């Protein structure tokens, strides 16, 4: 009898456990078995509307770093400015940081993670 079989008996289960079935189950969907869990993750996220702000704020509150793709919002400058203003206010409130990398990407960090911003050399 295998380890899973003994564990199943110990917990009162008489049905044999199929490891393949378990690994494909919904509870294992977000588990990375090749790596240890991290304290924080870098998550690439594309934002398309102001309704995407709440999930972004949740990720920051979970201490994840966001690499935000704003290329879709660049087509609507007013919406882009609103989203970035709201995210900047939230990030400042939680003592995080925000910086534009290029015209399509913005880096957002949680509390106690700061971005070193270099000034462009004068030309």
PDB file of N, CA and C in Angstrom:
ATOM      1  N   UNK A   1       0.852  -1.172   0.000  1.00  0.00           N
ATOM      2  CA  UNK A   1       0.000   0.000   0.000  1.00  0.00           C
ATOM      3  C   UNK A   1       0.899   1.235   0.000  1.00  0.00           C
ATOM      4  N   UNK A   2       0.554   2.216  -0.830  1.00  0.00           N
ATOM      5  CA  UNK A   2       1.338   3.429  -0.963  1.00  0.00           C
ATOM      6  C   UNK A   2       1.062   4.422   0.153  1.00  0.00           C
ATOM      7  N   UNK A   3       1.819   5.483   0.137  1.00  0.00           N
ATOM      8  CA  UNK A   3       1.698   6.534   1.146  1.00  0.00           C
ATOM      9  C   UNK A   3       0.295   7.130   1.145  1.00  0.00           C
ATOM     10  N   UNK A   4      -0.253   7.418  -0.052  1.00  0.00           N
ATOM     11  CA  UNK A   4      -1.574   8.022  -0.134  1.00  0.00           C
ATOM     12  C   UNK A   4      -2.651   7.060   0.368  1.00  0.00           C
ATOM     13  N   UNK A   5      -2.465   5.788   0.122  1.00  0.00           N
ATOM     14  CA  UNK A   5      -3.412   4.794   0.617  1.00  0.00           C
ATOM     15  C   UNK A   5      -3.420   4.758   2.134  1.00  0.00           C
ATOM     16  N   UNK A   6      -2.230   4.786   2.747  1.00  0.00           N
ATOM     17  CA  UNK A   6      -2.127   4.795   4.208  1.00  0.00           C
ATOM     18  C   UNK A   6      -2.715   6.074   4.789  1.00  0.00           C
ATOM     19  N   UNK A   7      -2.455   7.204   4.138  1.00  0.00           N
ATOM     20  CA  UNK A   7      -3.033   8.463   4.598  1.00  0.00           C
ATOM     21  C   UNK A   7      -4.550   8.427   4.503  1.00  0.00           C
ATOM     22  N   UNK A   8      -5.057   7.860   3.422  1.00  0.00           N
ATOM     23  CA  UNK A   8      -6.502   7.754   3.252  1.00  0.00           C
ATOM     24  C   UNK A   8      -7.131   6.915   4.354  1.00  0.00           C
ATOM     25  N   UNK A   9      -6.481   5.805   4.707  1.00  0.00           N
ATOM     26  CA  UNK A   9      -6.993   4.967   5.788  1.00  0.00           C
ATOM     27  C   UNK A   9      -6.930   5.699   7.124  1.00  0.00           C
ATOM     28  N   UNK A  10      -5.837   6.434   7.340  1.00  0.00           N
ATOM     29  CA  UNK A  10      -5.670   7.166   8.592  1.00  0.00           C
ATOM     30  C   UNK A  10      -6.766   8.209   8.771  1.00  0.00           C
ATOM     31  N   UNK A  11      -7.234   8.790   7.664  1.00  0.00           N
ATOM     32  CA  UNK A  11      -8.284   9.810   7.734  1.00  0.00           C
ATOM     33  C   UNK A  11      -9.670   9.228   7.483  1.00  0.00           C
ATOM     34  N   UNK A  12      -9.762   7.906   7.458  1.00  0.00           N
ATOM     35  CA  UNK A  12     -11.063   7.261   7.358  1.00  0.00           C
ATOM     36  C   UNK A  12     -11.580   7.060   5.953  1.00  0.00           C
ATOM     37  N   UNK A  13     -10.746   7.256   4.947  1.00  0.00           N
ATOM     38  CA  UNK A  13     -11.184   7.075   3.567  1.00  0.00           C
ATOM     39  C   UNK A  13     -10.861   5.657   3.133  1.00  0.00           C
ATOM     40  N   UNK A  14     -11.850   4.979   2.582  1.00  0.00           N
ATOM     41  CA  UNK A  14     -11.618   3.619   2.113  1.00  0.00           C
ATOM     42  C   UNK A  14     -11.368   3.579   0.618  1.00  0.00           C
ATOM     43  N   UNK A  15     -11.731   4.664  -0.071  1.00  0.00           N
ATOM     44  CA  UNK A  15     -11.546   4.724  -1.520  1.00  0.00           C
ATOM     45  C   UNK A  15     -10.080   5.002  -1.819  1.00  0.00           C
ATOM     46  N   UNK A  16      -9.514   4.309  -2.778  1.00  0.00           N
ATOM     47  CA  UNK A  16      -8.137   4.560  -3.176  1.00  0.00           C
ATOM     48  C   UNK A  16      -8.013   5.935  -3.808  1.00  0.00           C
ATOM     49  N   UNK A  17      -6.864   6.565  -3.640  1.00  0.00           N
ATOM     50  CA  UNK A  17      -6.663   7.911  -4.171  1.00  0.00           C
ATOM     51  C   UNK A  17      -5.859   7.816  -5.464  1.00  0.00           C
ATOM     52  N   UNK A  18      -6.371   8.396  -6.517  1.00  0.00           N
ATOM     53  CA  UNK A  18      -5.681   8.443  -7.794  1.00  0.00           C
ATOM     54  C   UNK A  18      -4.890   9.746  -7.846  1.00  0.00           C
ATOM     55  N   UNK A  19      -3.564   9.656  -7.816  1.00  0.00           N
ATOM     56  CA  UNK A  19      -2.720  10.849  -7.764  1.00  0.00           C
ATOM     57  C   UNK A  19      -2.931  11.746  -8.981  1.00  0.00           C
ATOM     58  N   UNK A  20      -3.127  11.166 -10.144  1.00  0.00           N
ATOM     59  CA  UNK A  20      -3.371  11.959 -11.352  1.00  0.00           C
ATOM     60  C   UNK A  20      -4.675  12.736 -11.241  1.00  0.00           C
ATOM     61  N   UNK A  21      -5.699  12.071 -10.707  1.00  0.00           N
ATOM     62  CA  UNK A  21      -6.990  12.740 -10.517  1.00  0.00           C
ATOM     63  C   UNK A  21      -6.844  13.889  -9.519  1.00  0.00           C
ATOM     64  N   UNK A  22      -6.097  13.663  -8.453  1.00  0.00           N
ATOM     65  CA  UNK A  22      -5.876  14.704  -7.447  1.00  0.00           C
ATOM     66  C   UNK A  22      -5.113  15.890  -8.038  1.00  0.00           C
ATOM     67  N   UNK A  23      -4.069  15.633  -8.801  1.00  0.00           N
ATOM     68  CA  UNK A  23      -3.254  16.708  -9.368  1.00  0.00           C
ATOM     69  C   UNK A  23      -4.038  17.529 -10.389  1.00  0.00           C
ATOM     70  N   UNK A  24      -5.044  16.956 -11.009  1.00  0.00           N
ATOM     71  CA  UNK A  24      -5.862  17.674 -11.976  1.00  0.00           C
ATOM     72  C   UNK A  24      -7.108  18.306 -11.338  1.00  0.00           C
ATOM     73  N   UNK A  25      -7.276  18.140 -10.028  1.00  0.00           N
ATOM     74  CA  UNK A  25      -8.465  18.668  -9.365  1.00  0.00           C
ATOM     75  C   UNK A  25      -8.395  20.188  -9.255  1.00  0.00           C
ATOM     76  N   UNK A  26      -9.542  20.793  -8.974  1.00  0.00           N
ATOM     77  CA  UNK A  26      -9.643  22.255  -8.898  1.00  0.00           C
ATOM     78  C   UNK A  26      -8.782  22.829  -7.788  1.00  0.00           C
ATOM     79  N   UNK A  27      -8.659  22.107  -6.662  1.00  0.00           N
ATOM     80  CA  UNK A  27      -7.870  22.658  -5.557  1.00  0.00           C
ATOM     81  C   UNK A  27      -6.383  22.710  -5.876  1.00  0.00           C
ATOM     82  N   UNK A  28      -5.935  21.966  -6.867  1.00  0.00           N
ATOM     83  CA  UNK A  28      -4.524  21.979  -7.250  1.00  0.00           C
ATOM     84  C   UNK A  28      -4.269  22.910  -8.426  1.00  0.00           C
ATOM     85  N   UNK A  29      -5.291  23.597  -8.896  1.00  0.00           N
ATOM     86  CA  UNK A  29      -5.191  24.435 -10.088  1.00  0.00           C
ATOM     87  C   UNK A  29      -4.119  25.511  -9.973  1.00  0.00           C
ATOM     88  N   UNK A  30      -4.021  26.159  -8.813  1.00  0.00           N
ATOM     89  CA  UNK A  30      -3.077  27.255  -8.645  1.00  0.00           C
ATOM     90  C   UNK A  30      -1.801  26.847  -7.911  1.00  0.00           C
ATOM     91  N   UNK A  31      -1.579  25.564  -7.738  1.00  0.00           N
ATOM     92  CA  UNK A  31      -0.406  25.102  -7.010  1.00  0.00           C
ATOM     93  C   UNK A  31       0.719  24.809  -7.993  1.00  0.00           C
ATOM     94  N   UNK A  32       1.875  25.371  -7.713  1.00  0.00           N
ATOM     95  CA  UNK A  32       3.067  25.132  -8.522  1.00  0.00           C
ATOM     96  C   UNK A  32       3.912  24.108  -7.780  1.00  0.00           C
ATOM     97  N   UNK A  33       3.873  22.841  -8.224  1.00  0.00           N
ATOM     98  CA  UNK A  33       4.569  21.779  -7.509  1.00  0.00           C
ATOM     99  C   UNK A  33       6.069  21.792  -7.752  1.00  0.00           C
ATOM    100  N   UNK A  34       6.534  22.558  -8.716  1.00  0.00           N
ATOM    101  CA  UNK A  34       7.965  22.602  -9.008  1.00  0.00           C
ATOM    102  C   UNK A  34       8.706  23.649  -8.194  1.00  0.00           C
ATOM    103  N   UNK A  35       8.004  24.603  -7.619  1.00  0.00           N
ATOM    104  CA  UNK A  35       8.641  25.687  -6.890  1.00  0.00           C
ATOM    105  C   UNK A  35       7.970  25.891  -5.537  1.00  0.00           C
ATOM    106  N   UNK A  36       8.746  26.386  -4.603  1.00  0.00           N
ATOM    107  CA  UNK A  36       8.187  26.730  -3.299  1.00  0.00           C
ATOM    108  C   UNK A  36       7.306  27.958  -3.439  1.00  0.00           C
ATOM    109  N   UNK A  37       6.314  28.097  -2.580  1.00  0.00           N
ATOM    110  CA  UNK A  37       5.512  29.324  -2.610  1.00  0.00           C
ATOM    111  C   UNK A  37       6.401  30.532  -2.315  1.00  0.00           C
ATOM    112  N   UNK A  38       6.118  31.637  -2.961  1.00  0.00           N
ATOM    113  CA  UNK A  38       6.910  32.849  -2.786  1.00  0.00           C
ATOM    114  C   UNK A  38       6.195  33.815  -1.856  1.00  0.00           C
ATOM    115  N   UNK A  39       6.955  34.759  -1.306  1.00  0.00           N
ATOM    116  CA  UNK A  39       6.359  35.796  -0.461  1.00  0.00           C
ATOM    117  C   UNK A  39       5.574  36.788  -1.306  1.00  0.00           C
ATOM    118  N   UNK A  40       6.039  37.018  -2.536  1.00  0.00           N
ATOM    119  CA  UNK A  40       5.329  37.900  -3.456  1.00  0.00           C
ATOM    120  C   UNK A  40       5.610  37.430  -4.879  1.00  0.00           C
ATOM    121  N   UNK A  41       4.750  37.837  -5.783  1.00  0.00           N
ATOM    122  CA  UNK A  41       4.868  37.449  -7.179  1.00  0.00           C
ATOM    123  C   UNK A  41       4.887  38.696  -8.045  1.00  0.00           C
ATOM    124  N   UNK A  42       5.505  38.597  -9.214  1.00  0.00           N
ATOM    125  CA  UNK A  42       5.429  39.646 -10.228  1.00  0.00           C
ATOM    126  C   UNK A  42       4.375  39.175 -11.214  1.00  0.00           C
ATOM    127  N   UNK A  43       3.313  39.965 -11.356  1.00  0.00           N
ATOM    128  CA  UNK A  43       2.193  39.555 -12.190  1.00  0.00           C
ATOM    129  C   UNK A  43       1.994  40.521 -13.347  1.00  0.00           C
ATOM    130  N   UNK A  44       2.097  40.029 -14.568  1.00  0.00           N
ATOM    131  CA  UNK A  44       1.766  40.882 -15.721  1.00  0.00           C
ATOM    132  C   UNK A  44       0.251  40.966 -15.865  1.00  0.00           C
ATOM    133  N   UNK A  45      -0.248  42.186 -15.956  1.00  0.00           N
ATOM    134  CA  UNK A  45      -1.696  42.400 -16.039  1.00  0.00           C
ATOM    135  C   UNK A  45      -1.972  43.430 -17.121  1.00  0.00           C
ATOM    136  N   UNK A  46      -2.978  43.151 -17.953  1.00  0.00           N
ATOM    137  CA  UNK A  46      -3.437  44.113 -18.945  1.00  0.00           C
ATOM    138  C   UNK A  46      -4.696  44.766 -18.410  1.00  0.00           C
ATOM    139  N   UNK A  47      -4.715  46.079 -18.420  1.00  0.00           N
ATOM    140  CA  UNK A  47      -5.885  46.812 -17.949  1.00  0.00           C
ATOM    141  C   UNK A  47      -6.601  47.391 -19.164  1.00  0.00           C
ATOM    142  N   UNK A  48      -7.937  47.222 -19.191  1.00  0.00           N
ATOM    143  CA  UNK A  48      -8.707  47.697 -20.344  1.00  0.00           C
ATOM    144  C   UNK A  48      -9.788  48.698 -19.964  1.00  0.00           C
ATOM    145  N   UNK A  49     -10.088  48.787 -18.652  1.00  0.00           N
ATOM    146  CA  UNK A  49     -11.122  49.736 -18.225  1.00  0.00           C
ATOM    147  C   UNK A  49     -10.926  50.075 -16.753  1.00  0.00           C
ATOM    148  N   UNK A  50     -11.703  51.036 -16.288  1.00  0.00           N
ATOM    149  CA  UNK A  50     -11.629  51.440 -14.886  1.00  0.00           C
ATOM    150  C   UNK A  50     -12.127  50.343 -13.947  1.00  0.00           C
ATOM    151  N   UNK A  51     -12.892  49.406 -14.466  1.00  0.00           N
ATOM    152  CA  UNK A  51     -13.375  48.301 -13.628  1.00  0.00           C
ATOM    153  C   UNK A  51     -12.246  47.353 -13.233  1.00  0.00           C
ATOM    154  N   UNK A  52     -11.085  47.489 -13.863  1.00  0.00           N
ATOM    155  CA  UNK A  52      -9.935  46.639 -13.537  1.00  0.00           C
ATOM    156  C   UNK A  52      -9.162  47.150 -12.322  1.00  0.00           C
ATOM    157  N   UNK A  53      -9.545  48.284 -11.767  1.00  0.00           N
ATOM    158  CA  UNK A  53      -8.805  48.881 -10.653  1.00  0.00           C
ATOM    159  C   UNK A  53      -8.909  48.030  -9.387  1.00  0.00           C
ATOM    160  N   UNK A  54     -10.105  47.561  -9.047  1.00  0.00           N
ATOM    161  CA  UNK A  54     -10.274  46.783  -7.803  1.00  0.00           C
ATOM    162  C   UNK A  54      -9.401  45.531  -7.772  1.00  0.00           C
ATOM    163  N   UNK A  55      -9.371  44.714  -8.843  1.00  0.00           N
ATOM    164  CA  UNK A  55      -8.481  43.552  -8.814  1.00  0.00           C
ATOM    165  C   UNK A  55      -6.997  43.946  -8.698  1.00  0.00           C
ATOM    166  N   UNK A  56      -6.617  45.063  -9.298  1.00  0.00           N
ATOM    167  CA  UNK A  56      -5.234  45.529  -9.171  1.00  0.00           C
ATOM    168  C   UNK A  56      -4.921  45.878  -7.720  1.00  0.00           C
ATOM    169  N   UNK A  57      -5.841  46.553  -7.075  1.00  0.00           N
ATOM    170  CA  UNK A  57      -5.634  46.927  -5.685  1.00  0.00           C
ATOM    171  C   UNK A  57      -5.562  45.690  -4.786  1.00  0.00           C
ATOM    172  N   UNK A  58      -6.350  44.680  -5.101  1.00  0.00           N
ATOM    173  CA  UNK A  58      -6.285  43.425  -4.349  1.00  0.00           C
ATOM    174  C   UNK A  58      -4.910  42.781  -4.469  1.00  0.00           C
ATOM    175  N   UNK A  59      -4.368  42.781  -5.681  1.00  0.00           N
ATOM    176  CA  UNK A  59      -3.046  42.193  -5.892  1.00  0.00           C
ATOM    177  C   UNK A  59      -1.976  42.946  -5.111  1.00  0.00           C
ATOM    178  N   UNK A  60      -2.069  44.265  -5.095  1.00  0.00           N
ATOM    179  CA  UNK A  60      -1.115  45.065  -4.334  1.00  0.00           C
ATOM    180  C   UNK A  60      -1.271  44.778  -2.838  1.00  0.00           C
ATOM    181  N   UNK A  61      -2.499  44.639  -2.362  1.00  0.00           N
ATOM    182  CA  UNK A  61      -2.702  44.348  -0.942  1.00  0.00           C
ATOM    183  C   UNK A  61      -2.193  42.953  -0.584  1.00  0.00           C
ATOM    184  N   UNK A  62      -2.098  42.071  -1.557  1.00  0.00           N
ATOM    185  CA  UNK A  62      -1.514  40.731  -1.339  1.00  0.00           C
ATOM    186  C   UNK A  62       0.006  40.761  -1.450  1.00  0.00           C
ATOM    187  N   UNK A  63       0.561  41.957  -1.615  1.00  0.00           N
ATOM    188  CA  UNK A  63       1.998  42.188  -1.708  1.00  0.00           C
ATOM    189  C   UNK A  63       2.609  41.665  -3.014  1.00  0.00           C
ATOM    190  N   UNK A  64       1.830  41.660  -4.070  1.00  0.00           N
ATOM    191  CA  UNK A  64       2.357  41.283  -5.374  1.00  0.00           C
ATOM    192  C   UNK A  64       2.781  42.521  -6.146  1.00  0.00           C
ATOM    193  N   UNK A  65       3.745  42.341  -7.031  1.00  0.00           N
ATOM    194  CA  UNK A  65       4.229  43.411  -7.897  1.00  0.00           C
ATOM    195  C   UNK A  65       3.506  43.276  -9.228  1.00  0.00           C
ATOM    196  N   UNK A  66       3.008  44.385  -9.744  1.00  0.00           N
ATOM    197  CA  UNK A  66       2.226  44.371 -10.985  1.00  0.00           C
ATOM    198  C   UNK A  66       3.021  45.017 -12.111  1.00  0.00           C
ATOM    199  N   UNK A  67       3.138  44.309 -13.208  1.00  0.00           N
ATOM    200  CA  UNK A  67       3.660  44.872 -14.452  1.00  0.00           C
ATOM    201  C   UNK A  67       2.432  45.125 -15.320  1.00  0.00           C
ATOM    202  N   UNK A  68       2.015  46.381 -15.342  1.00  0.00           N
ATOM    203  CA  UNK A  68       0.739  46.763 -15.935  1.00  0.00           C
ATOM    204  C   UNK A  68       0.906  47.149 -17.398  1.00  0.00           C
ATOM    205  N   UNK A  69       0.151  46.492 -18.259  1.00  0.00           N
ATOM    206  CA  UNK A  69       0.125  46.820 -19.690  1.00  0.00           C
ATOM    207  C   UNK A  69      -1.043  47.769 -19.924  1.00  0.00           C
ATOM    208  N   UNK A  70      -0.733  49.001 -20.311  1.00  0.00           N
ATOM    209  CA  UNK A  70      -1.771  50.015 -20.536  1.00  0.00           C
ATOM    210  C   UNK A  70      -1.960  50.324 -22.019  1.00  0.00           C
ATOM    211  N   UNK A  71      -1.475  49.462 -22.897  1.00  0.00           N
ATOM    212  CA  UNK A  71      -1.545  49.739 -24.332  1.00  0.00           C
ATOM    213  C   UNK A  71      -2.981  49.913 -24.822  1.00  0.00           C
ATOM    214  N   UNK A  72      -3.922  49.150 -24.252  1.00  0.00           N
ATOM    215  CA  UNK A  72      -5.333  49.311 -24.638  1.00  0.00           C
ATOM    216  C   UNK A  72      -5.871  50.664 -24.174  1.00  0.00           C
ATOM    217  N   UNK A  73      -5.432  51.105 -23.013  1.00  0.00           N
ATOM    218  CA  UNK A  73      -5.908  52.386 -22.479  1.00  0.00           C
ATOM    219  C   UNK A  73      -5.308  53.576 -23.212  1.00  0.00           C
ATOM    220  N   UNK A  74      -4.190  53.383 -23.877  1.00  0.00           N
ATOM    221  CA  UNK A  74      -3.575  54.487 -24.616  1.00  0.00           C
ATOM    222  C   UNK A  74      -4.486  55.005 -25.721  1.00  0.00           C
ATOM    223  N   UNK A  75      -5.446  54.187 -26.135  1.00  0.00           N
ATOM    224  CA  UNK A  75      -6.413  54.601 -27.154  1.00  0.00           C
ATOM    225  C   UNK A  75      -7.468  55.547 -26.565  1.00  0.00           C
ATOM    226  N   UNK A  76      -7.580  55.529 -25.214  1.00  0.00           N
ATOM    227  CA  UNK A  76      -8.545  56.376 -24.506  1.00  0.00           C
ATOM    228  C   UNK A  76      -7.806  57.123 -23.393  1.00  0.00           C
ATOM    229  N   UNK A  77      -7.176  58.243 -23.730  1.00  0.00           N
ATOM    230  CA  UNK A  77      -6.326  58.959 -22.769  1.00  0.00           C
ATOM    231  C   UNK A  77      -7.018  59.357 -21.469  1.00  0.00           C
ATOM    232  N   UNK A  78      -8.272  59.733 -21.526  1.00  0.00           N
ATOM    233  CA  UNK A  78      -8.978  60.134 -20.305  1.00  0.00           C
ATOM    234  C   UNK A  78      -9.103  58.952 -19.347  1.00  0.00           C
ATOM    235  N   UNK A  79      -9.503  57.814 -19.873  1.00  0.00           N
ATOM    236  CA  UNK A  79      -9.632  56.608 -19.047  1.00  0.00           C
ATOM    237  C   UNK A  79      -8.266  56.198 -18.500  1.00  0.00           C
ATOM    238  N   UNK A  80      -7.254  56.276 -19.356  1.00  0.00           N
ATOM    239  CA  UNK A  80      -5.882  55.931 -18.932  1.00  0.00           C
ATOM    240  C   UNK A  80      -5.455  56.807 -17.764  1.00  0.00           C
ATOM    241  N   UNK A  81      -5.667  58.111 -17.885  1.00  0.00           N
ATOM    242  CA  UNK A  81      -5.274  59.028 -16.821  1.00  0.00           C
ATOM    243  C   UNK A  81      -6.052  58.766 -15.534  1.00  0.00           C
ATOM    244  N   UNK A  82      -7.348  58.445 -15.657  1.00  0.00           N
ATOM    245  CA  UNK A  82      -8.160  58.135 -14.476  1.00  0.00           C
ATOM    246  C   UNK A  82      -7.645  56.881 -13.762  1.00  0.00           C
ATOM    247  N   UNK A  83      -7.380  55.830 -14.531  1.00  0.00           N
ATOM    248  CA  UNK A  83      -6.888  54.577 -13.950  1.00  0.00           C
ATOM    249  C   UNK A  83      -5.553  54.809 -13.252  1.00  0.00           C
ATOM    250  N   UNK A  84      -4.631  55.476 -13.936  1.00  0.00           N
ATOM    251  CA  UNK A  84      -3.314  55.685 -13.347  1.00  0.00           C
ATOM    252  C   UNK A  84      -3.372  56.625 -12.145  1.00  0.00           C
ATOM    253  N   UNK A  85      -4.238  57.621 -12.166  1.00  0.00           N
ATOM    254  CA  UNK A  85      -4.385  58.519 -11.015  1.00  0.00           C
ATOM    255  C   UNK A  85      -4.927  57.772  -9.804  1.00  0.00           C
ATOM    256  N   UNK A  86      -5.934  56.933 -10.024  1.00  0.00           N
ATOM    257  CA  UNK A  86      -6.503  56.162  -8.921  1.00  0.00           C
ATOM    258  C   UNK A  86      -5.500  55.158  -8.367  1.00  0.00           C
ATOM    259  N   UNK A  87      -4.738  54.522  -9.252  1.00  0.00           N
ATOM    260  CA  UNK A  87      -3.734  53.568  -8.792  1.00  0.00           C
ATOM    261  C   UNK A  87      -2.615  54.283  -8.045  1.00  0.00           C
ATOM    262  N   UNK A  88      -2.231  55.460  -8.522  1.00  0.00           N
ATOM    263  CA  UNK A  88      -1.181  56.219  -7.843  1.00  0.00           C
ATOM    264  C   UNK A  88      -1.641  56.612  -6.435  1.00  0.00           C
ATOM    265  N   UNK A  89      -2.869  57.075  -6.304  1.00  0.00           N
ATOM    266  CA  UNK A  89      -3.407  57.458  -4.993  1.00  0.00           C
ATOM    267  C   UNK A  89      -3.448  56.249  -4.057  1.00  0.00           C
ATOM    268  N   UNK A  90      -3.885  55.107  -4.573  1.00  0.00           N
ATOM    269  CA  UNK A  90      -3.962  53.904  -3.744  1.00  0.00           C
ATOM    270  C   UNK A  90      -2.569  53.459  -3.307  1.00  0.00           C
ATOM    271  N   UNK A  91      -1.642  53.438  -4.242  1.00  0.00           N
ATOM    272  CA  UNK A  91      -0.283  52.982  -3.960  1.00  0.00           C
ATOM    273  C   UNK A  91       0.391  53.902  -2.933  1.00  0.00           C
ATOM    274  N   UNK A  92       0.170  55.190  -3.048  1.00  0.00           N
ATOM    275  CA  UNK A  92       0.735  56.120  -2.064  1.00  0.00           C
ATOM    276  C   UNK A  92       0.118  55.885  -0.684  1.00  0.00           C
ATOM    277  N   UNK A  93      -1.175  55.569  -0.651  1.00  0.00           N
ATOM    278  CA  UNK A  93      -1.865  55.317   0.616  1.00  0.00           C
ATOM    279  C   UNK A  93      -1.294  54.093   1.330  1.00  0.00           C
ATOM    280  N   UNK A  94      -0.918  53.057   0.568  1.00  0.00           N
ATOM    281  CA  UNK A  94      -0.389  51.826   1.173  1.00  0.00           C
ATOM    282  C   UNK A  94       1.137  51.820   1.233  1.00  0.00           C
ATOM    283  N   UNK A  95       1.755  52.957   0.918  1.00  0.00           N
ATOM    284  CA  UNK A  95       3.203  53.110   0.960  1.00  0.00           C
ATOM    285  C   UNK A  95       3.926  52.225  -0.059  1.00  0.00           C
ATOM    286  N   UNK A  96       3.314  52.063  -1.227  1.00  0.00           N
ATOM    287  CA  UNK A  96       3.947  51.337  -2.320  1.00  0.00           C
ATOM    288  C   UNK A  96       4.611  52.318  -3.266  1.00  0.00           C
ATOM    289  N   UNK A  97       4.769  51.913  -4.523  1.00  0.00           N
ATOM    290  CA  UNK A  97       5.385  52.797  -5.506  1.00  0.00           C
ATOM    291  C   UNK A  97       4.828  52.467  -6.891  1.00  0.00           C
ATOM    292  N   UNK A  98       4.935  53.444  -7.775  1.00  0.00           N
ATOM    293  CA  UNK A  98       4.454  53.294  -9.145  1.00  0.00           C
ATOM    294  C   UNK A  98       5.394  54.065 -10.064  1.00  0.00           C
ATOM    295  N   UNK A  99       5.715  53.480 -11.216  1.00  0.00           N
ATOM    296  CA  UNK A  99       6.591  54.156 -12.174  1.00  0.00           C
ATOM    297  C   UNK A  99       6.275  53.665 -13.584  1.00  0.00           C
ATOM    298  N   UNK A 100       6.312  54.590 -14.514  1.00  0.00           N
ATOM    299  CA  UNK A 100       6.098  54.236 -15.916  1.00  0.00           C
ATOM    300  C   UNK A 100       7.418  53.755 -16.498  1.00  0.00           C
ATOM    301  N   UNK A 101       7.401  52.587 -17.120  1.00  0.00           N
ATOM    302  CA  UNK A 101       8.602  52.008 -17.721  1.00  0.00           C
ATOM    303  C   UNK A 101       8.765  52.519 -19.147  1.00  0.00           C
ATOM    304  N   UNK A 102       7.692  52.435 -19.896  1.00  0.00           N
ATOM    305  CA  UNK A 102       7.657  52.987 -21.258  1.00  0.00           C
ATOM    306  C   UNK A 102       6.208  53.383 -21.536  1.00  0.00           C
ATOM    307  N   UNK A 103       5.888  53.722 -22.775  1.00  0.00           N
ATOM    308  CA  UNK A 103       4.536  54.229 -23.032  1.00  0.00           C
ATOM    309  C   UNK A 103       3.437  53.192 -22.821  1.00  0.00           C
ATOM    310  N   UNK A 104       3.794  51.902 -22.805  1.00  0.00           N
ATOM    311  CA  UNK A 104       2.786  50.853 -22.653  1.00  0.00           C
ATOM    312  C   UNK A 104       2.832  50.107 -21.323  1.00  0.00           C
ATOM    313  N   UNK A 105       3.855  50.328 -20.505  1.00  0.00           N
ATOM    314  CA  UNK A 105       4.000  49.545 -19.280  1.00  0.00           C
ATOM    315  C   UNK A 105       4.255  50.425 -18.062  1.00  0.00           C
ATOM    316  N   UNK A 106       3.615  50.012 -16.965  1.00  0.00           N
ATOM    317  CA  UNK A 106       3.745  50.702 -15.693  1.00  0.00           C
ATOM    318  C   UNK A 106       4.056  49.639 -14.637  1.00  0.00           C
ATOM    319  N   UNK A 107       5.012  49.924 -13.773  1.00  0.00           N
ATOM    320  CA  UNK A 107       5.370  49.020 -12.691  1.00  0.00           C
ATOM    321  C   UNK A 107       4.742  49.528 -11.400  1.00  0.00           C
ATOM    322  N   UNK A 108       4.035  48.641 -10.684  1.00  0.00           N
ATOM    323  CA  UNK A 108       3.377  49.007  -9.433  1.00  0.00           C
ATOM    324  C   UNK A 108       3.851  48.035  -8.361  1.00  0.00           C
ATOM    325  N   UNK A 109       4.317  48.586  -7.223  1.00  0.00           N
ATOM    326  CA  UNK A 109       4.824  47.740  -6.156  1.00  0.00           C
ATOM    327  C   UNK A 109       4.030  47.935  -4.871  1.00  0.00           C
ATOM    328  N   UNK A 110       4.020  46.916  -4.007  1.00  0.00           N
ATOM    329  CA  UNK A 110       3.313  47.023  -2.725  1.00  0.00           C
ATOM    330  C   UNK A 110       4.143  47.793  -1.698  1.00  0.00           C
ATOM    331  N   UNK A 111       3.638  47.837  -0.483  1.00  0.00           N
ATOM    332  CA  UNK A 111       4.336  48.572   0.572  1.00  0.00           C
ATOM    333  C   UNK A 111       5.734  48.014   0.799  1.00  0.00           C
ATOM    334  N   UNK A 112       6.621  48.924   1.143  1.00  0.00           N
ATOM    335  CA  UNK A 112       8.014  48.622   1.454  1.00  0.00           C
ATOM    336  C   UNK A 112       8.811  48.110   0.266  1.00  0.00           C
ATOM    337  N   UNK A 113       8.300  48.291  -0.945  1.00  0.00           N
ATOM    338  CA  UNK A 113       9.057  47.988  -2.152  1.00  0.00           C
ATOM    339  C   UNK A 113       9.101  49.271  -2.965  1.00  0.00           C
ATOM    340  N   UNK A 114      10.282  49.822  -3.129  1.00  0.00           N
ATOM    341  CA  UNK A 114      10.432  51.099  -3.823  1.00  0.00           C
ATOM    342  C   UNK A 114      11.128  50.892  -5.158  1.00  0.00           C
ATOM    343  N   UNK A 115      10.807  51.754  -6.091  1.00  0.00           N
ATOM    344  CA  UNK A 115      11.390  51.722  -7.429  1.00  0.00           C
ATOM    345  C   UNK A 115      12.409  52.853  -7.510  1.00  0.00           C
ATOM    346  N   UNK A 116      13.621  52.539  -7.922  1.00  0.00           N
ATOM    347  CA  UNK A 116      14.630  53.579  -8.119  1.00  0.00           C
ATOM    348  C   UNK A 116      14.374  54.200  -9.474  1.00  0.00           C
ATOM    349  N   UNK A 117      14.066  55.468  -9.429  1.00  0.00           N
ATOM    350  CA  UNK A 117      13.748  56.197 -10.662  1.00  0.00           C
ATOM    351  C   UNK A 117      14.938  57.060 -11.012  1.00  0.00           C
ATOM    352  N   UNK A 118      15.469  56.835 -12.170  1.00  0.00           N
ATOM    353  CA  UNK A 118      16.624  57.627 -12.633  1.00  0.00           C
ATOM    354  C   UNK A 118      16.136  58.771 -13.470  1.00  0.00           C
ATOM    355  N   UNK A 119      16.740  59.879 -13.233  1.00  0.00           N
ATOM    356  CA  UNK A 119      16.415  61.039 -14.059  1.00  0.00           C
ATOM    357  C   UNK A 119      17.111  60.887 -15.393  1.00  0.00           C
ATOM    358  N   UNK A 120      16.451  61.345 -16.413  1.00  0.00           N
ATOM    359  CA  UNK A 120      17.052  61.312 -17.754  1.00  0.00           C
ATOM    360  C   UNK A 120      18.169  62.327 -17.828  1.00  0.00           C
ATOM    361  N   UNK A 121      19.264  61.974 -18.460  1.00  0.00           N
ATOM    362  CA  UNK A 121      20.366  62.940 -18.585  1.00  0.00           C
ATOM    363  C   UNK A 121      19.929  64.131 -19.428  1.00  0.00           C
ATOM    364  N   UNK A 122      20.407  65.290 -19.041  1.00  0.00           N
ATOM    365  CA  UNK A 122      20.081  66.504 -19.787  1.00  0.00           C
ATOM    366  C   UNK A 122      20.792  66.461 -21.128  1.00  0.00           C
ATOM    367  N   UNK A 123      20.068  66.896 -22.141  1.00  0.00           N
ATOM    368  CA  UNK A 123      20.649  66.869 -23.490  1.00  0.00           C
ATOM    369  C   UNK A 123      20.818  68.265 -24.010  1.00  0.00           C
TER     370      UNK A 123
END
